[in-house]
Protein backbone atom coordinates (compact mmCIF):
# COMPACT_ATOMS: atom_id res chain seq x y z
CA MET A 1 -22.58 12.84 13.73
CA SER A 2 -23.81 15.77 12.74
CA ALA A 3 -27.69 16.33 12.12
CA LEU A 4 -26.47 18.73 8.27
CA VAL A 5 -25.91 15.47 6.56
CA SER A 6 -25.55 15.67 3.34
CA ARG A 7 -28.21 14.48 0.32
CA THR A 8 -25.42 11.91 -0.67
CA LEU A 9 -24.25 10.52 2.98
CA MET A 10 -28.25 10.30 3.59
CA THR A 11 -28.58 8.27 0.39
CA ILE A 12 -26.23 5.87 1.13
CA LEU A 13 -26.75 5.68 5.22
CA VAL A 14 -30.81 3.99 3.24
CA LEU A 15 -28.83 0.93 3.28
CA THR A 16 -28.05 0.43 6.85
CA ALA A 17 -32.27 -0.56 7.04
CA LEU A 18 -30.24 -4.45 6.07
CA ALA A 19 -27.40 -5.18 8.22
CA ALA A 20 -24.80 -7.61 6.90
CA PRO A 21 -25.40 -12.13 6.63
CA VAL A 22 -24.08 -12.89 9.27
CA SER A 23 -22.16 -15.88 10.85
CA ALA A 24 -23.42 -18.12 13.97
CA ASP A 25 -24.23 -15.61 17.22
CA GLY A 26 -22.35 -15.82 20.10
CA PRO A 27 -18.79 -15.70 21.88
CA ALA A 28 -16.41 -13.33 20.12
CA ASP A 29 -13.06 -11.87 20.50
CA LEU A 30 -13.57 -8.21 20.01
CA ILE A 31 -16.74 -6.14 19.10
CA ILE A 32 -16.84 -2.89 18.09
CA LYS A 33 -19.38 -0.62 18.76
CA ASN A 34 -21.09 2.69 18.46
CA ALA A 35 -18.94 3.29 14.93
CA LEU A 36 -19.71 4.69 11.83
CA VAL A 37 -18.56 2.19 10.18
CA LEU A 38 -17.77 2.59 5.64
CA THR A 39 -18.28 -1.03 4.57
CA MET A 40 -16.19 -0.07 1.43
CA ASP A 41 -18.47 -3.28 0.48
CA ALA A 42 -20.20 -3.12 -3.81
CA SER A 43 -22.83 -1.45 -2.60
CA GLY A 44 -21.10 1.28 -0.19
CA THR A 45 -23.38 0.27 2.71
CA VAL A 46 -22.45 2.44 5.97
CA HIS A 47 -23.84 1.79 8.78
CA GLU A 48 -24.31 4.42 10.85
CA ASN A 49 -24.94 3.21 14.36
CA GLY A 50 -22.85 0.47 13.38
CA VAL A 51 -20.74 -2.48 14.55
CA VAL A 52 -18.34 -4.62 14.11
CA VAL A 53 -17.72 -8.30 15.17
CA VAL A 54 -14.43 -10.47 15.05
CA ARG A 55 -14.30 -14.10 15.65
CA GLY A 56 -9.88 -14.81 15.37
CA ASP A 57 -8.57 -13.64 12.44
CA THR A 58 -11.54 -13.09 10.94
CA LEU A 59 -14.58 -10.67 10.29
CA ALA A 60 -18.01 -12.40 11.97
CA ALA A 61 -20.51 -10.04 11.81
CA VAL A 62 -20.90 -6.33 10.11
CA GLY A 63 -24.51 -3.97 11.03
CA ASP A 64 -26.14 -1.97 13.05
CA ALA A 65 -27.00 -1.99 16.85
CA GLY A 66 -29.21 -4.34 16.60
CA LEU A 67 -25.73 -7.24 16.34
CA LEU A 68 -24.84 -6.46 20.31
CA GLY A 69 -27.38 -8.59 21.65
CA ARG A 70 -26.23 -11.24 19.73
CA PHE A 71 -23.17 -11.37 20.13
CA GLN A 72 -20.77 -11.30 23.24
CA ALA A 73 -17.12 -10.45 23.49
CA GLU A 74 -14.63 -9.57 26.68
CA SER A 75 -12.77 -6.59 24.86
CA VAL A 76 -15.62 -4.25 23.34
CA ILE A 77 -13.87 -0.77 21.56
CA ASP A 78 -16.03 2.44 21.78
CA ALA A 79 -15.75 4.07 19.05
CA GLY A 80 -18.01 7.02 20.05
CA GLY A 81 -19.14 7.62 16.57
CA ASP A 82 -16.18 8.05 15.00
CA ILE A 83 -14.88 6.39 11.57
CA VAL A 84 -14.63 2.45 11.16
CA MET A 85 -13.34 1.42 7.37
CA PRO A 86 -10.88 -1.46 6.42
CA GLY A 87 -7.15 -1.45 6.48
CA MET A 88 -5.38 1.37 4.06
CA ILE A 89 -3.28 -0.55 1.36
CA ASN A 90 -0.19 1.01 0.19
CA LEU A 91 0.80 -0.46 -2.88
CA HIS A 92 3.94 0.43 -3.61
CA ASN A 93 7.45 1.05 -1.63
CA HIS A 94 10.73 0.64 -0.83
CA ILE A 95 10.57 0.41 3.03
CA PRO A 96 14.06 0.40 4.13
CA MET A 97 15.54 3.37 2.37
CA VAL A 98 13.44 5.34 5.51
CA ALA A 99 16.96 5.10 7.33
CA PHE A 100 17.87 7.45 4.91
CA ARG A 101 15.29 9.94 4.51
CA GLY A 102 15.72 13.97 4.06
CA LEU A 103 19.25 13.56 3.57
CA GLY A 104 20.51 15.06 0.43
CA GLU A 105 17.29 17.38 0.42
CA ASN A 106 19.11 21.03 0.01
CA GLY A 107 18.60 21.34 -4.12
CA VAL A 108 21.83 18.45 -4.30
CA GLU A 109 22.61 17.70 -8.64
CA ASN A 110 22.09 14.64 -9.02
CA ARG A 111 20.57 13.61 -5.37
CA LEU A 112 20.89 9.81 -6.62
CA PHE A 113 24.01 9.67 -7.17
CA LYS A 114 25.77 11.70 -4.76
CA PHE A 115 23.58 10.53 -2.23
CA PHE A 116 21.36 7.45 -2.92
CA PHE A 117 23.91 5.38 -4.75
CA PRO A 118 26.56 5.91 -2.42
CA LEU A 119 24.55 5.41 0.97
CA GLU A 120 23.18 1.92 -0.65
CA LYS A 121 26.60 0.87 -1.42
CA GLN A 122 28.31 1.32 2.00
CA MET A 123 25.40 1.22 4.39
CA LEU A 124 23.01 -1.53 3.57
CA SER A 125 23.02 -4.41 5.23
CA ARG A 126 20.92 -7.17 7.41
CA ASP A 127 20.31 -5.63 10.22
CA LEU A 128 19.71 -1.88 8.27
CA ILE A 129 17.05 -3.48 6.47
CA ARG A 130 15.50 -5.48 9.57
CA ILE A 131 15.77 -2.05 11.69
CA ALA A 132 14.80 -0.23 8.59
CA SER A 133 11.85 -2.13 8.04
CA ARG A 134 10.22 -2.32 11.31
CA HIS A 135 10.69 1.74 11.63
CA GLY A 136 8.60 1.95 8.45
CA ALA A 137 6.39 0.14 9.29
CA MET A 138 5.66 1.49 13.18
CA GLU A 139 5.17 4.25 10.76
CA MET A 140 2.82 3.01 8.64
CA ALA A 141 0.65 1.14 11.53
CA LEU A 142 0.19 4.13 13.35
CA ALA A 143 -1.31 5.91 10.20
CA GLY A 144 -3.52 2.98 8.96
CA VAL A 145 -2.32 0.71 6.90
CA THR A 146 -2.51 -2.44 7.09
CA LEU A 147 -0.69 -3.80 4.11
CA VAL A 148 2.41 -2.92 2.53
CA ALA A 149 3.99 -4.28 -0.98
CA ASP A 150 7.68 -3.42 -0.92
CA MET A 151 10.27 -3.99 -4.15
CA TYR A 152 14.10 -3.81 -2.15
CA TYR A 153 16.97 -6.50 -1.16
CA HIS A 154 16.80 -9.15 1.92
CA GLU A 155 13.50 -9.33 1.90
CA ASP A 156 13.53 -11.99 4.12
CA GLU A 157 14.73 -8.83 6.44
CA VAL A 158 11.42 -7.09 5.82
CA ALA A 159 9.55 -9.70 6.35
CA ARG A 160 10.69 -10.03 9.28
CA GLY A 161 10.65 -6.25 10.35
CA VAL A 162 7.27 -5.90 9.05
CA ALA A 163 5.64 -9.15 10.61
CA GLU A 164 7.16 -7.77 14.23
CA VAL A 165 5.50 -4.74 14.04
CA GLY A 166 2.16 -6.98 13.29
CA ILE A 167 1.29 -5.15 9.56
CA ARG A 168 0.49 -7.18 6.43
CA GLY A 169 3.30 -7.30 3.52
CA VAL A 170 3.33 -8.11 0.36
CA LEU A 171 7.55 -7.80 -0.41
CA GLY A 172 8.82 -8.23 -3.47
CA GLU A 173 12.93 -9.60 -3.72
CA THR A 174 13.92 -7.53 -6.18
CA VAL A 175 16.10 -8.68 -9.27
CA ILE A 176 18.66 -6.68 -11.28
CA GLY A 177 21.45 -7.12 -13.58
CA PHE A 178 24.58 -5.83 -11.46
CA PRO A 179 26.18 -6.86 -7.89
CA VAL A 180 23.73 -5.33 -4.96
CA VAL A 181 24.34 -5.99 -0.98
CA ASP A 182 22.22 -9.51 -1.14
CA ALA A 183 23.28 -10.78 -4.06
CA ALA A 184 26.89 -10.33 -5.31
CA GLU A 185 26.18 -11.61 -9.23
CA PRO A 186 24.14 -9.96 -11.23
CA TRP A 187 20.65 -11.74 -11.18
CA GLY A 188 21.30 -13.34 -8.50
CA GLY A 189 18.44 -11.76 -7.00
CA LEU A 190 16.13 -14.52 -8.82
CA ALA A 191 18.04 -16.82 -6.50
CA TYR A 192 17.20 -15.02 -3.45
CA ALA A 193 13.58 -14.89 -4.23
CA GLU A 194 12.94 -18.24 -4.34
CA ARG A 195 14.64 -19.76 -1.62
CA PHE A 196 13.04 -15.85 0.32
CA ILE A 197 9.51 -17.74 -0.91
CA GLU A 198 10.18 -21.41 -0.19
CA GLU A 199 11.00 -19.80 3.83
CA TRP A 200 7.83 -17.28 3.83
CA LYS A 201 5.21 -18.72 1.87
CA GLY A 202 2.07 -19.43 3.85
CA HIS A 203 2.43 -17.22 6.67
CA PRO A 204 -0.59 -15.23 7.46
CA LEU A 205 0.58 -11.98 7.12
CA ILE A 206 3.65 -11.76 4.94
CA THR A 207 3.12 -13.00 1.01
CA PRO A 208 6.86 -13.57 -0.39
CA ALA A 209 6.99 -12.18 -4.38
CA VAL A 210 9.10 -11.51 -7.33
CA ALA A 211 10.18 -7.69 -8.12
CA PRO A 212 11.96 -7.91 -11.67
CA HIS A 213 13.01 -3.57 -10.84
CA ALA A 214 12.02 -2.09 -14.34
CA PRO A 215 11.85 -3.29 -18.50
CA TYR A 216 15.14 -0.65 -18.46
CA THR A 217 16.81 -2.71 -16.08
CA VAL A 218 15.77 -5.95 -16.88
CA PRO A 219 15.97 -7.56 -20.24
CA PRO A 220 13.31 -9.84 -21.70
CA GLU A 221 14.78 -13.37 -20.46
CA TRP A 222 15.12 -12.36 -16.86
CA LEU A 223 11.40 -10.68 -17.37
CA LEU A 224 10.81 -13.45 -18.17
CA ARG A 225 12.57 -16.07 -15.83
CA SER A 226 11.29 -14.15 -12.70
CA LYS A 227 7.66 -14.28 -14.19
CA ALA A 228 7.94 -18.05 -14.40
CA LEU A 229 9.26 -18.35 -10.66
CA ALA A 230 5.96 -16.60 -9.37
CA GLU A 231 4.16 -18.37 -11.93
CA ARG A 232 5.51 -22.12 -10.50
CA GLN A 233 5.19 -21.22 -7.01
CA GLY A 234 1.54 -18.67 -7.38
CA VAL A 235 2.90 -15.25 -5.88
CA PRO A 236 2.48 -11.82 -7.77
CA LEU A 237 5.05 -10.55 -9.78
CA LEU A 238 5.77 -6.55 -8.91
CA LEU A 239 7.85 -4.43 -11.45
CA HIS A 240 8.03 -0.50 -12.24
CA MET A 241 6.32 0.52 -15.45
CA ALA A 242 5.88 3.03 -17.39
CA GLU A 243 7.39 5.92 -14.73
CA PHE A 244 9.38 7.89 -17.20
CA ALA A 245 8.86 10.15 -20.20
CA HIS A 246 12.13 8.60 -22.03
CA GLU A 247 11.97 4.78 -20.64
CA ARG A 248 12.03 3.85 -23.84
CA ARG A 249 14.87 5.12 -24.81
CA LEU A 250 15.89 3.73 -21.63
CA ILE A 251 14.93 0.38 -22.03
CA LYS A 252 16.81 0.78 -25.28
CA ASP A 253 20.11 1.53 -23.60
CA GLY A 254 19.84 -1.10 -20.22
CA VAL A 255 18.81 -3.56 -21.99
CA GLY A 256 19.33 -3.88 -25.48
CA GLU A 257 16.62 -3.54 -29.02
CA PHE A 258 13.15 -1.19 -28.80
CA PRO A 259 10.78 -2.19 -31.45
CA GLU A 260 10.35 1.25 -33.03
CA GLY A 261 6.98 2.67 -32.26
CA LYS A 262 6.36 0.23 -29.45
CA SER A 263 4.85 1.67 -26.03
CA VAL A 264 6.36 -0.15 -22.89
CA VAL A 265 3.37 -1.54 -21.97
CA ARG A 266 3.39 -3.21 -25.94
CA TYR A 267 6.77 -4.08 -25.67
CA LEU A 268 6.27 -6.02 -22.32
CA GLU A 269 2.74 -7.40 -23.97
CA ASP A 270 4.56 -8.92 -26.80
CA ILE A 271 7.17 -10.59 -25.32
CA GLY A 272 4.90 -12.52 -22.77
CA PHE A 273 5.32 -10.82 -19.74
CA LEU A 274 1.76 -9.17 -18.45
CA CYS A 275 -0.39 -11.61 -16.35
CA ASP A 276 -2.98 -11.41 -13.42
CA ALA A 277 0.01 -11.89 -10.86
CA LEU A 278 1.45 -8.53 -12.01
CA LEU A 279 1.63 -5.58 -10.19
CA ALA A 280 3.02 -2.39 -11.95
CA ALA A 281 3.91 0.73 -10.14
CA HIS A 282 3.53 4.00 -11.12
CA VAL A 283 1.95 3.72 -14.67
CA ILE A 284 2.50 7.23 -15.54
CA TYR A 285 3.30 7.02 -19.78
CA VAL A 286 0.50 4.55 -21.09
CA ASP A 287 -2.40 5.57 -24.43
CA GLU A 288 -6.01 3.95 -24.56
CA GLU A 289 -4.17 0.62 -26.08
CA ASP A 290 -2.07 0.08 -23.70
CA MET A 291 -4.85 0.46 -20.84
CA ALA A 292 -7.10 -1.77 -22.96
CA ILE A 293 -4.34 -4.32 -22.76
CA LEU A 294 -3.40 -3.84 -18.99
CA LYS A 295 -6.99 -4.18 -18.30
CA ARG A 296 -7.50 -7.44 -20.41
CA ARG A 297 -4.44 -9.02 -18.94
CA GLY A 298 -5.40 -8.57 -15.49
CA VAL A 299 -2.60 -5.56 -14.19
CA GLY A 300 -2.79 -4.63 -11.34
CA VAL A 301 -1.11 -0.90 -11.02
CA SER A 302 -0.08 1.19 -8.68
CA HIS A 303 -0.76 4.95 -8.49
CA ASN A 304 1.76 6.93 -6.48
CA PRO A 305 0.63 10.51 -7.12
CA LYS A 306 3.42 12.24 -4.16
CA ALA A 307 5.92 10.40 -5.38
CA ASN A 308 5.64 10.80 -8.59
CA SER A 309 5.27 14.71 -8.54
CA ARG A 310 7.20 15.15 -6.25
CA GLY A 311 9.52 13.86 -8.39
CA ALA A 312 8.56 16.09 -11.28
CA THR A 313 8.53 12.73 -13.51
CA GLY A 314 4.96 13.36 -14.65
CA MET A 315 1.14 12.69 -13.78
CA SER A 316 -0.88 9.52 -14.01
CA PRO A 317 -3.91 8.63 -16.52
CA ALA A 318 -5.54 7.21 -13.28
CA TRP A 319 -8.74 8.52 -13.16
CA GLU A 320 -8.65 7.15 -16.74
CA MET A 321 -7.47 3.62 -15.84
CA PHE A 322 -9.93 3.85 -12.19
CA HIS A 323 -13.03 4.44 -15.14
CA GLN A 324 -11.88 1.57 -17.81
CA ASP A 325 -11.79 -0.55 -14.18
CA LEU A 326 -8.86 -1.43 -14.49
CA ASP A 327 -7.29 -3.22 -10.61
CA ILE A 328 -5.63 0.30 -9.01
CA GLY A 329 -4.78 1.39 -5.91
CA LEU A 330 -2.58 3.47 -3.73
CA GLY A 331 0.87 4.20 -3.30
CA THR A 332 3.39 5.70 -1.49
CA ASP A 333 7.02 4.31 -3.20
CA GLY A 334 9.82 4.77 -1.01
CA PRO A 335 10.91 7.37 1.68
CA MET A 336 13.27 9.46 -0.01
CA GLY A 337 11.00 9.55 -2.95
CA SER A 338 7.60 10.78 -1.02
CA ASN A 339 9.71 11.14 2.93
CA GLN A 340 5.52 10.02 4.03
CA MET A 341 4.42 6.70 3.99
CA ASP A 342 0.82 6.88 5.03
CA ILE A 343 -2.07 6.26 2.60
CA VAL A 344 -4.02 8.76 4.00
CA ASN A 345 -1.66 12.10 2.53
CA VAL A 346 -1.74 10.05 -0.50
CA LEU A 347 -5.54 10.62 -0.63
CA SER A 348 -6.08 14.13 -1.72
CA TYR A 349 -2.97 13.87 -3.65
CA ALA A 350 -4.88 11.25 -5.78
CA ALA A 351 -7.72 13.99 -6.22
CA SER A 352 -5.74 17.26 -6.89
CA VAL A 353 -3.32 15.65 -9.02
CA ALA A 354 -6.22 13.90 -11.96
CA ARG A 355 -8.46 17.34 -11.51
CA LEU A 356 -5.42 19.41 -12.59
CA ARG A 357 -4.00 16.87 -15.52
CA GLY A 358 -7.65 17.14 -16.32
CA GLN A 359 -8.23 20.27 -15.76
CA ASP A 360 -11.45 18.95 -14.35
CA GLY A 361 -12.64 19.85 -10.93
CA THR A 362 -15.05 16.66 -11.05
CA ARG A 363 -12.43 14.21 -10.90
CA PHE A 364 -12.71 11.61 -8.47
CA THR A 365 -14.74 11.99 -5.56
CA PRO A 366 -14.08 11.59 -2.40
CA TYR A 367 -15.64 8.32 -2.19
CA GLU A 368 -13.53 6.60 -4.89
CA VAL A 369 -10.60 7.73 -3.69
CA VAL A 370 -11.21 5.92 -0.21
CA SER A 371 -12.19 3.15 -2.94
CA MET A 372 -8.68 2.92 -4.67
CA ALA A 373 -6.85 2.87 -0.71
CA THR A 374 -8.94 -0.05 0.48
CA MET A 375 -10.76 -2.34 -1.98
CA GLY A 376 -8.59 -1.32 -5.19
CA GLY A 377 -5.81 -1.99 -3.83
CA ALA A 378 -6.65 -5.60 -3.01
CA ARG A 379 -7.84 -6.21 -6.28
CA ALA A 380 -4.42 -4.65 -7.15
CA LEU A 381 -3.24 -7.69 -5.69
CA ASP A 382 -5.89 -10.52 -6.28
CA MET A 383 -6.90 -10.14 -2.43
CA GLU A 384 -10.19 -9.06 -2.63
CA ASP A 385 -11.84 -12.18 -1.43
CA GLU A 386 -9.98 -11.53 1.85
CA ILE A 387 -9.42 -7.70 2.10
CA GLY A 388 -10.27 -4.70 1.17
CA SER A 389 -13.61 -3.76 2.64
CA LEU A 390 -15.32 -5.17 6.09
CA GLU A 391 -17.74 -8.00 5.07
CA VAL A 392 -18.02 -11.17 7.14
CA GLY A 393 -16.39 -13.72 6.41
CA LYS A 394 -12.78 -11.34 5.77
CA LYS A 395 -10.60 -11.34 7.22
CA ALA A 396 -10.13 -8.41 9.72
CA ASP A 397 -8.00 -5.63 8.81
CA ILE A 398 -9.62 -2.99 10.47
CA VAL A 399 -9.17 0.88 10.82
CA MET A 400 -10.51 3.70 13.36
CA VAL A 401 -10.29 7.06 12.45
CA GLU A 402 -11.16 9.09 15.22
CA THR A 403 -13.57 12.60 13.79
CA HIS A 404 -13.88 14.90 16.97
CA THR A 405 -10.56 17.52 16.37
CA PRO A 406 -11.44 19.93 15.16
CA ASN A 407 -9.86 19.70 11.58
CA MET A 408 -12.26 16.37 11.21
CA GLN A 409 -15.17 18.64 11.68
CA PRO A 410 -18.15 19.81 11.42
CA LEU A 411 -18.84 15.78 9.03
CA TYR A 412 -21.35 16.37 7.01
CA ASP A 413 -18.98 13.34 4.77
CA PRO A 414 -16.92 11.10 6.05
CA TYR A 415 -14.84 10.05 2.80
CA ALA A 416 -14.91 13.99 2.21
CA ALA A 417 -13.26 14.38 5.38
CA LEU A 418 -10.81 11.57 5.22
CA VAL A 419 -9.29 12.52 1.66
CA PHE A 420 -9.13 16.34 2.05
CA SER A 421 -9.52 16.76 6.25
CA ALA A 422 -7.63 14.10 8.03
CA TYR A 423 -4.12 13.82 9.18
CA PRO A 424 -2.31 10.47 9.55
CA GLU A 425 -2.57 11.33 13.38
CA ASN A 426 -5.94 11.27 13.12
CA VAL A 427 -5.91 6.74 13.31
CA ARG A 428 -6.56 5.96 16.44
CA THR A 429 -6.51 2.18 15.81
CA THR A 430 -5.17 -0.19 14.05
CA ILE A 431 -6.24 -3.72 13.60
CA VAL A 432 -5.33 -6.53 11.62
CA ASN A 433 -5.61 -10.03 11.20
CA GLY A 434 -7.98 -9.00 14.30
CA GLU A 435 -5.32 -8.72 16.56
CA VAL A 436 -4.83 -5.21 17.60
CA VAL A 437 -1.43 -3.96 16.88
CA VAL A 438 -2.31 -0.36 17.61
CA GLN A 439 -4.31 1.33 20.28
CA ASP A 440 -5.93 4.51 21.00
CA ARG A 441 -2.16 5.77 18.92
CA ILE A 442 -0.12 3.33 20.75
CA LEU A 443 2.04 0.64 19.09
CA ARG A 444 0.82 -2.56 20.83
CA LYS A 445 3.29 -5.37 19.88
CA VAL A 446 6.90 -3.46 19.16
CA ASP A 447 8.93 -3.23 22.22
CA LEU A 448 9.54 0.68 21.43
CA ALA A 449 12.50 0.83 23.93
CA ALA A 450 14.97 -1.87 22.25
CA HIS A 451 14.02 -0.41 18.68
CA GLU A 452 14.96 3.00 19.54
CA LEU A 453 17.98 1.89 21.06
CA GLU A 454 18.55 0.29 17.12
CA TRP A 455 17.27 2.76 15.35
CA GLN A 456 18.93 5.30 17.04
CA ALA A 457 22.90 4.04 16.26
CA LEU A 458 21.92 2.98 12.88
CA THR A 459 21.11 6.19 12.28
CA LYS A 460 24.21 7.83 13.77
CA ARG A 461 26.03 5.29 10.84
CA VAL A 462 23.95 6.78 8.38
CA ALA A 463 24.77 10.55 9.91
CA GLU A 464 28.49 9.90 9.91
CA PHE A 465 28.35 8.68 6.45
CA ALA A 466 26.29 11.29 4.98
CA LYS A 467 28.88 14.27 5.88
CA SER A 468 31.37 12.69 3.26
CA LEU A 469 28.74 12.93 0.67
CA GLU A 470 28.22 16.94 1.37
């Protein structure tokens, strides 16, 4: 690391004098040494010549180089001064859409109806969803995403693809009021969700969830049925919320009466839907009272600035929510919305959009943005006791970001480098639940040749059908 360390970073580095508490010394499964460890704990502790010790799926010790004399492991990774940090969390996605990425991009009027809906109707299948989910999970693992929250169909197939790659998934089966690929009857997704939960609950990587699509497509009765299932099973609840400026009219047109003068958040509060288990995506059109309600109810928020900018849906008051201590993290939305599914690219968008919206270049420090990508996402999912920071006893979800290529130099402030300089390709190693998923930019758990055969056959079929839509 450069000798010209900023005063801000020097202040943080003072904390390295006190290593984090450690578990019993002795054998371990993996040691990472010679690392610039950004723990993202409550104190913002940084270990400049840091060591991370993994035993099984858990962090056994996090501290300075003195730990090397207290733990032994056959597997040792020398970080060479690179950044070691908690895995990044993508709070909102529709992973299987990656099979359709890049179609209808050339100024097509009404792309949603001309391309996307016909593609879903004609092409979606269990095989497509499984193969595309594996492909998307590979892309995210290579970019340091260790957990993705997803809403789509056949989420059991999404689970298979995600688990095969080796990252975590909080996966919500969609509940919606018309026939879809995995439910011939309206609202059939709710029964599907219950079966999915029973099959996958307790998996070390997969957390099944219930995902009523949005308040403008799901009436109060089915929102509350979805909530009841989530509560009964003790699983998360996922929803698109306050995404559009005209969402109140959409609710009135789509599901019936909408009380005059109510906001979308107050409507959901009045019907008894808001709760701690809820993760709400987008949350653009909210006011101070709405934010206070969301905070009181413990609702998690996925801020998706890249997708919202690209779709011109609006600029979320994410900075205000962050500073009012809401549980807010970062997401990408589906790969037909933002195309890229990594969080590295979202970091700078989060800062830039907040600064543009407030006409204030001081909004969101780099540290705050990185905290949203890690602990913010964990809190939004009520998983902060398990993931989101490098602390003893938490799950070993770890990312190593190399710092020696030209775009990462000079490294005066590692948080600023992550937010404003890094590319996804700077991620070198990804570890999830104590297992190395990506090492030196190579996926470890996937048969790449077999995947490529399936992927090429799939995309050939999609391309042939897409020609009929041009």
